[in-house]
Structures are given as C-alpha cells and as structure tokens.
Amino acid sequence: MSNNHHIEIPTGKKIYFSSDNHLGAPTKEASLPREKKFVAWLDEVKHNAAAIFLLGDLFDFWMEYKRVVPKGFTRTLGKLAEISDSGIPIYYFVGNHDLWMNGYFEEELGIPVYHKPQEFTFNNTSFFIGHGDGLGPGDKGYKRMKKVFTNPICKWLFKRLIHPDFGMRIGHHLSVKNKMISGDEDAKFLGEDNEWLAVYCKRKLETKHRDFFVFGHRHLPLEIKLSDKSKYINLGDWIQYYTYGSFDGVTFELKVYK
C-alpha cells in the first residue's frame, strides 16, 4: 500500500467516481450508445470536477502490446485526454477486464494507473478506493486465474507468441463468455452480512478507520453502513444502472445519470 494521497476540494467543486462501463461488450455496435452517454457525463462533470476517479473495467477487454493498443473507444479516450489536459486530475484503477494496462494511459493521457487499492484523503475525509476484484473471502477460482493473468512470464508469452489481432479476439471472447471473469452471475444483492466486499471492509476497519470504502466490480449500486462513522459504497455500472458517485467534501451521493 502506498502513502496516503491528499486532495483539497475547492468550494463549489466535487470529486466524481465511475466504474464498470465494459465498453465493447457484447459488441462494438451495442456498446456505442453507452459510450456516447458516458462521454456526455464526462462533458457535464468536467465543469465542477476537482478530480475524477475511474474504478476499472472501463473496457470489456483491454490489452497493450509494446506498440499496439486496442482499436476503438476514440470518443472516450479523446474526452479523457481533453479533461486531463485541462488540468483536472483523473485516477484509474484497473479492473479484472483491463488487467493488462501497461503505460498507455500514463504516457498518452497523463492518467496515473493503480493496480491495487489506494488510500486518499479529500479535505479531512478518508477514503479507501479500488476496483474490488479478488478482495475478501471466497472467489478462489478467480484469484487463481488472476495470478495466471498477471504472471510476467504468461504475459510475455501471450504477447510474443500470439498476433495482436488473434490475441484481441481471444481476450474479447473470454471477457464476454467466461462468467468467472465477467462476474455477471454474481450481480445480485447478497444481503449486507453476505456482501463479500462489505465483509472485507469491516475487516480493514479493525486495523484502521476509513470514512468511506469505494469500489466497483459488483455492478450493483450499494450503500452499506459499516459502523457509525464508516460506509461502503459500490458504484454500480454503466450497463444497467448508469450510476456514479460524487463527494463535495462533506456528503457522498450515489446518483443516476439520465
């Protein structure tokens, strides 16, 4: 875990949070209206954003070779570049569908990318932020799979032995079809005591207080009270719910973009 990051929120500004767009799924044509809606949201929030946090799975599959990045998503990437260039910081947390980010966002868009949850303080409020995959009890099959996907030797072999066109086709097929990767079968509320990310947050609270834990991955908009002074937020998605979070320095709100 890195050191705590601190951001002061100016008067009239907000921190915005979004997760799980899965652009490109199930097809490029089907996801285009969702992409345009997300870009419209970015256009709206940039006017009073102190910072924007994207908590992973922006793409349904993303794979960077040394000199090749996935085709498409021009509207999204261009809008993120515009916002970043304007001086508004954007922070990206990789999800289980875009594990293989390797410098493109940092070099081309000026967006830092995190592969593990991070601590942030906004004004005087503490946040623990991440995508959420592989955390908490259970999910052992995915945790084993993630170790394979992130293994440096496996990544090296995949990039060297498989042509990008074929590699992207394999990755997209697995992302759409494999429920262990997509997690679609788990996108239903399990009850506050059984939500495994909430269980994870409660365990983290035993060693250190955080005011808010904010994750994606579950595809469900959730607000669960962990204690009198701590809350777990799940951001939902941009497939069914079109939900996002905002924090003005005092109040965290989970909203629907219409």
Protein backbone atom coordinates (compact mmCIF):
# COMPACT_ATOMS: atom_id res chain seq x y z
CA MET A 1 0.00 0.00 0.00
CA SER A 2 1.37 3.37 -0.98
CA ASN A 3 1.29 6.51 1.13
CA ASN A 4 -1.96 8.37 1.52
CA HIS A 5 -2.84 10.74 -1.32
CA HIS A 6 -4.37 14.08 -0.31
CA ILE A 7 -6.68 16.27 -2.41
CA GLU A 8 -8.22 19.54 -1.30
CA ILE A 9 -11.67 20.12 -2.79
CA PRO A 10 -12.18 23.81 -3.65
CA THR A 11 -15.50 25.43 -2.81
CA GLY A 12 -18.11 24.52 -5.41
CA LYS A 13 -16.13 21.56 -6.74
CA LYS A 14 -16.70 17.80 -6.37
CA ILE A 15 -14.84 14.51 -6.67
CA TYR A 16 -16.56 12.17 -9.15
CA PHE A 17 -16.44 8.36 -9.26
CA SER A 18 -17.43 5.92 -12.01
CA SER A 19 -16.89 2.23 -12.72
CA ASP A 20 -17.71 -0.73 -14.95
CA ASN A 21 -18.57 0.61 -18.39
CA HIS A 22 -17.41 -2.56 -20.22
CA LEU A 23 -17.12 -0.70 -23.49
CA GLY A 24 -17.03 -3.05 -26.46
CA ALA A 25 -19.40 -5.60 -24.93
CA PRO A 26 -21.23 -7.50 -26.12
CA THR A 27 -20.35 -5.88 -29.47
CA LYS A 28 -18.88 -2.57 -30.60
CA GLU A 29 -22.22 -1.53 -32.09
CA ALA A 30 -24.20 -2.40 -28.97
CA SER A 31 -21.86 -0.52 -26.64
CA LEU A 32 -21.65 2.67 -28.74
CA PRO A 33 -24.80 4.32 -27.26
CA ARG A 34 -23.47 3.59 -23.76
CA GLU A 35 -20.11 5.09 -24.69
CA LYS A 36 -21.77 8.26 -26.01
CA LYS A 37 -23.78 8.53 -22.78
CA PHE A 38 -20.62 8.18 -20.68
CA VAL A 39 -18.82 10.84 -22.75
CA ALA A 40 -21.81 13.16 -22.25
CA TRP A 41 -21.49 12.58 -18.49
CA LEU A 42 -17.77 13.41 -18.61
CA ASP A 43 -18.63 16.58 -20.52
CA GLU A 44 -21.08 17.55 -17.77
CA VAL A 45 -18.98 16.84 -14.70
CA LYS A 46 -15.79 18.45 -16.04
CA HIS A 47 -17.25 21.88 -15.25
CA ASN A 48 -17.07 21.40 -11.48
CA ALA A 49 -14.78 18.36 -11.06
CA ALA A 50 -11.88 18.66 -8.65
CA ALA A 51 -10.89 15.13 -9.75
CA ILE A 52 -12.37 12.10 -11.50
CA PHE A 53 -11.86 8.53 -10.34
CA LEU A 54 -12.46 5.65 -12.76
CA LEU A 55 -12.58 2.40 -10.83
CA GLY A 56 -11.90 -0.14 -13.54
CA ASP A 57 -13.48 -2.19 -16.32
CA LEU A 58 -13.90 0.88 -18.48
CA PHE A 59 -13.33 -1.56 -21.34
CA ASP A 60 -14.65 -5.10 -21.55
CA PHE A 61 -11.18 -6.10 -22.71
CA TRP A 62 -8.01 -4.04 -22.90
CA MET A 63 -4.62 -5.37 -23.89
CA GLU A 64 -1.49 -3.32 -24.56
CA TYR A 65 1.35 -4.65 -26.65
CA LYS A 66 4.54 -2.60 -26.79
CA ARG A 67 3.43 -0.64 -29.84
CA VAL A 68 -0.20 -1.74 -30.22
CA VAL A 69 -3.29 -0.75 -28.23
CA PRO A 70 -6.91 -1.83 -28.85
CA LYS A 71 -8.80 -0.28 -31.75
CA GLY A 72 -11.82 1.84 -30.92
CA PHE A 73 -13.07 3.86 -27.92
CA THR A 74 -11.91 7.06 -29.65
CA ARG A 75 -14.64 9.20 -28.12
CA THR A 76 -13.82 8.10 -24.58
CA LEU A 77 -10.06 8.33 -24.91
CA GLY A 78 -10.27 11.73 -26.60
CA LYS A 79 -12.56 13.11 -23.88
CA LEU A 80 -10.29 11.78 -21.12
CA ALA A 81 -7.30 13.39 -22.84
CA GLU A 82 -9.15 16.71 -23.11
CA ILE A 83 -10.11 16.69 -19.43
CA SER A 84 -6.65 15.63 -18.29
CA ASP A 85 -5.01 18.30 -20.48
CA SER A 86 -7.30 20.93 -18.94
CA GLY A 87 -5.69 20.27 -15.56
CA ILE A 88 -8.38 18.11 -13.94
CA PRO A 89 -6.67 15.04 -12.44
CA ILE A 90 -8.05 11.63 -13.41
CA TYR A 91 -7.14 8.47 -11.49
CA TYR A 92 -7.59 4.99 -12.96
CA PHE A 93 -7.81 1.69 -11.09
CA VAL A 94 -7.50 -1.42 -13.25
CA GLY A 95 -10.31 -3.94 -13.07
CA ASN A 96 -10.42 -7.63 -13.88
CA HIS A 97 -11.19 -6.86 -17.55
CA ASP A 98 -8.32 -4.41 -18.08
CA LEU A 99 -5.56 -6.02 -16.02
CA TRP A 100 -3.03 -5.63 -18.81
CA MET A 101 -2.64 -1.86 -18.81
CA ASN A 102 1.00 -1.05 -19.28
CA GLY A 103 1.79 2.64 -19.71
CA TYR A 104 -0.61 3.91 -22.37
CA PHE A 105 -2.86 5.88 -20.01
CA GLU A 106 0.13 7.40 -18.23
CA GLU A 107 2.09 8.29 -21.36
CA GLU A 108 -0.70 9.36 -23.72
CA LEU A 109 -3.36 10.70 -21.37
CA GLY A 110 -1.40 11.76 -18.28
CA ILE A 111 -3.58 9.50 -16.11
CA PRO A 112 -1.96 7.53 -13.26
CA VAL A 113 -2.97 3.87 -13.16
CA TYR A 114 -3.21 1.82 -9.96
CA HIS A 115 -3.23 -1.98 -9.77
CA LYS A 116 -4.11 -2.13 -6.08
CA PRO A 117 -6.47 -0.20 -3.77
CA GLN A 118 -5.21 3.16 -2.57
CA GLU A 119 -5.77 5.48 0.39
CA PHE A 120 -6.97 9.02 -0.34
CA THR A 121 -7.92 11.94 1.88
CA PHE A 122 -10.30 14.53 0.44
CA ASN A 123 -10.17 17.57 2.71
CA ASN A 124 -10.42 15.79 6.07
CA THR A 125 -12.34 12.69 4.93
CA SER A 126 -10.54 9.38 4.45
CA PHE A 127 -11.25 7.05 1.52
CA PHE A 128 -10.12 3.54 0.60
CA ILE A 129 -10.57 3.14 -3.17
CA GLY A 130 -10.16 0.24 -5.61
CA HIS A 131 -11.89 -1.89 -8.24
CA GLY A 132 -12.76 -4.65 -5.78
CA ASP A 133 -11.91 -7.88 -7.61
CA GLY A 134 -10.09 -10.60 -5.69
CA LEU A 135 -10.66 -8.97 -2.30
CA GLY A 136 -12.32 -10.52 0.74
CA PRO A 137 -13.22 -14.16 1.39
CA GLY A 138 -14.02 -16.72 -1.29
CA ASP A 139 -13.75 -16.31 -5.07
CA LYS A 140 -10.77 -18.69 -5.08
CA GLY A 141 -11.22 -19.67 -8.73
CA TYR A 142 -10.90 -16.09 -9.90
CA LYS A 143 -7.98 -15.41 -7.56
CA ARG A 144 -6.07 -18.35 -9.09
CA MET A 145 -6.96 -17.15 -12.59
CA LYS A 146 -5.80 -13.61 -11.79
CA LYS A 147 -2.39 -14.92 -10.70
CA VAL A 148 -2.03 -16.56 -14.11
CA PHE A 149 -3.21 -13.45 -15.99
CA THR A 150 -0.79 -11.17 -14.12
CA ASN A 151 2.18 -13.54 -14.18
CA PRO A 152 5.03 -11.77 -16.07
CA ILE A 153 6.04 -14.95 -17.93
CA CYS A 154 2.45 -15.65 -19.04
CA LYS A 155 2.04 -12.07 -20.24
CA TRP A 156 5.37 -12.21 -22.11
CA LEU A 157 4.45 -15.47 -23.86
CA PHE A 158 0.98 -14.22 -24.83
CA LYS A 159 2.36 -11.04 -26.37
CA ARG A 160 5.27 -12.71 -28.16
CA LEU A 161 3.55 -15.82 -29.48
CA ILE A 162 0.08 -14.54 -30.43
CA HIS A 163 -0.58 -11.95 -33.12
CA PRO A 164 -2.45 -8.90 -31.70
CA ASP A 165 -5.49 -9.46 -33.96
CA PHE A 166 -5.87 -13.03 -32.71
CA GLY A 167 -4.94 -12.13 -29.13
CA MET A 168 -7.62 -9.43 -29.00
CA ARG A 169 -10.19 -11.85 -30.40
CA ILE A 170 -9.36 -14.42 -27.71
CA GLY A 171 -9.48 -11.80 -24.97
CA HIS A 172 -12.79 -10.36 -26.10
CA HIS A 173 -14.34 -13.83 -26.36
CA LEU A 174 -13.25 -14.75 -22.85
CA SER A 175 -14.41 -11.43 -21.42
CA VAL A 176 -17.91 -11.79 -22.87
CA LYS A 177 -18.39 -15.55 -22.39
CA ASN A 178 -16.49 -16.51 -19.25
CA LYS A 179 -18.66 -15.89 -16.18
CA MET A 180 -15.71 -16.41 -13.86
CA ILE A 181 -14.11 -13.35 -15.43
CA SER A 182 -17.22 -11.26 -16.01
CA GLY A 183 -18.90 -11.87 -12.69
CA ASP A 184 -22.34 -11.35 -14.29
CA GLU A 185 -23.82 -14.29 -12.40
CA ASP A 186 -22.96 -12.58 -9.11
CA ALA A 187 -24.65 -9.27 -9.94
CA LYS A 188 -27.41 -9.67 -7.39
CA PHE A 189 -27.60 -8.37 -3.84
CA LEU A 190 -26.48 -10.98 -1.32
CA GLY A 191 -27.61 -9.20 1.84
CA GLU A 192 -25.48 -6.83 3.91
CA ASP A 193 -23.94 -9.61 6.01
CA ASN A 194 -23.03 -11.68 2.92
CA GLU A 195 -21.69 -8.99 0.61
CA TRP A 196 -18.06 -10.09 0.47
CA LEU A 197 -16.68 -6.61 -0.23
CA ALA A 198 -18.56 -5.31 2.81
CA VAL A 199 -17.02 -8.16 4.85
CA TYR A 200 -13.60 -7.15 3.52
CA CYS A 201 -14.20 -3.51 4.51
CA LYS A 202 -15.24 -4.48 8.03
CA ARG A 203 -12.00 -6.43 8.42
CA LYS A 204 -9.99 -3.43 7.21
CA LEU A 205 -11.76 -1.26 9.80
CA GLU A 206 -10.40 -3.49 12.57
CA THR A 207 -6.90 -2.14 11.94
CA LYS A 208 -7.56 1.40 10.67
CA HIS A 209 -10.55 3.71 10.33
CA ARG A 210 -11.68 4.97 6.92
CA ASP A 211 -14.75 7.12 6.42
CA PHE A 212 -15.60 5.62 3.02
CA PHE A 213 -14.69 2.46 1.11
CA VAL A 214 -15.49 2.91 -2.59
CA PHE A 215 -15.39 0.02 -5.08
CA GLY A 216 -16.79 -1.10 -8.42
CA HIS A 217 -16.80 -4.68 -9.77
CA ARG A 218 -20.13 -5.77 -8.27
CA HIS A 219 -22.23 -3.96 -10.92
CA LEU A 220 -24.66 -3.01 -8.16
CA PRO A 221 -25.22 0.47 -6.70
CA LEU A 222 -24.83 -0.19 -2.96
CA GLU A 223 -24.52 1.88 0.19
CA ILE A 224 -23.86 -0.21 3.30
CA LYS A 225 -23.24 1.24 6.72
CA LEU A 226 -20.22 -0.47 8.28
CA SER A 227 -20.21 1.45 11.55
CA ASP A 228 -21.48 4.75 12.93
CA LYS A 229 -18.71 6.56 11.07
CA SER A 230 -17.89 4.38 8.08
CA LYS A 231 -19.71 3.37 4.90
CA TYR A 232 -19.09 1.00 1.96
CA ILE A 233 -20.14 2.29 -1.47
CA ASN A 234 -20.37 0.26 -4.65
CA LEU A 235 -20.72 2.40 -7.76
CA GLY A 236 -22.91 0.13 -9.88
CA ASP A 237 -22.28 0.20 -13.63
CA TRP A 238 -22.92 1.90 -16.99
CA ILE A 239 -24.73 -1.09 -18.49
CA GLN A 240 -27.94 -1.32 -16.48
CA TYR A 241 -27.84 1.36 -13.78
CA TYR A 242 -25.78 4.31 -15.15
CA THR A 243 -24.81 5.25 -11.61
CA TYR A 244 -21.91 7.34 -10.37
CA GLY A 245 -20.66 8.82 -7.12
CA SER A 246 -19.92 12.39 -6.12
CA PHE A 247 -18.30 13.84 -2.99
CA ASP A 248 -18.34 17.57 -2.20
CA GLY A 249 -16.09 17.42 0.85
CA VAL A 250 -18.93 16.62 3.24
CA THR A 251 -21.54 14.40 1.58
CA PHE A 252 -21.13 11.34 -0.66
CA GLU A 253 -24.01 10.80 -3.09
CA LEU A 254 -24.76 7.88 -5.37
CA LYS A 255 -26.63 9.24 -8.37
CA VAL A 256 -28.19 8.03 -11.63
CA TYR A 257 -27.18 9.77 -14.85
CA LYS A 258 -30.22 10.39 -17.06
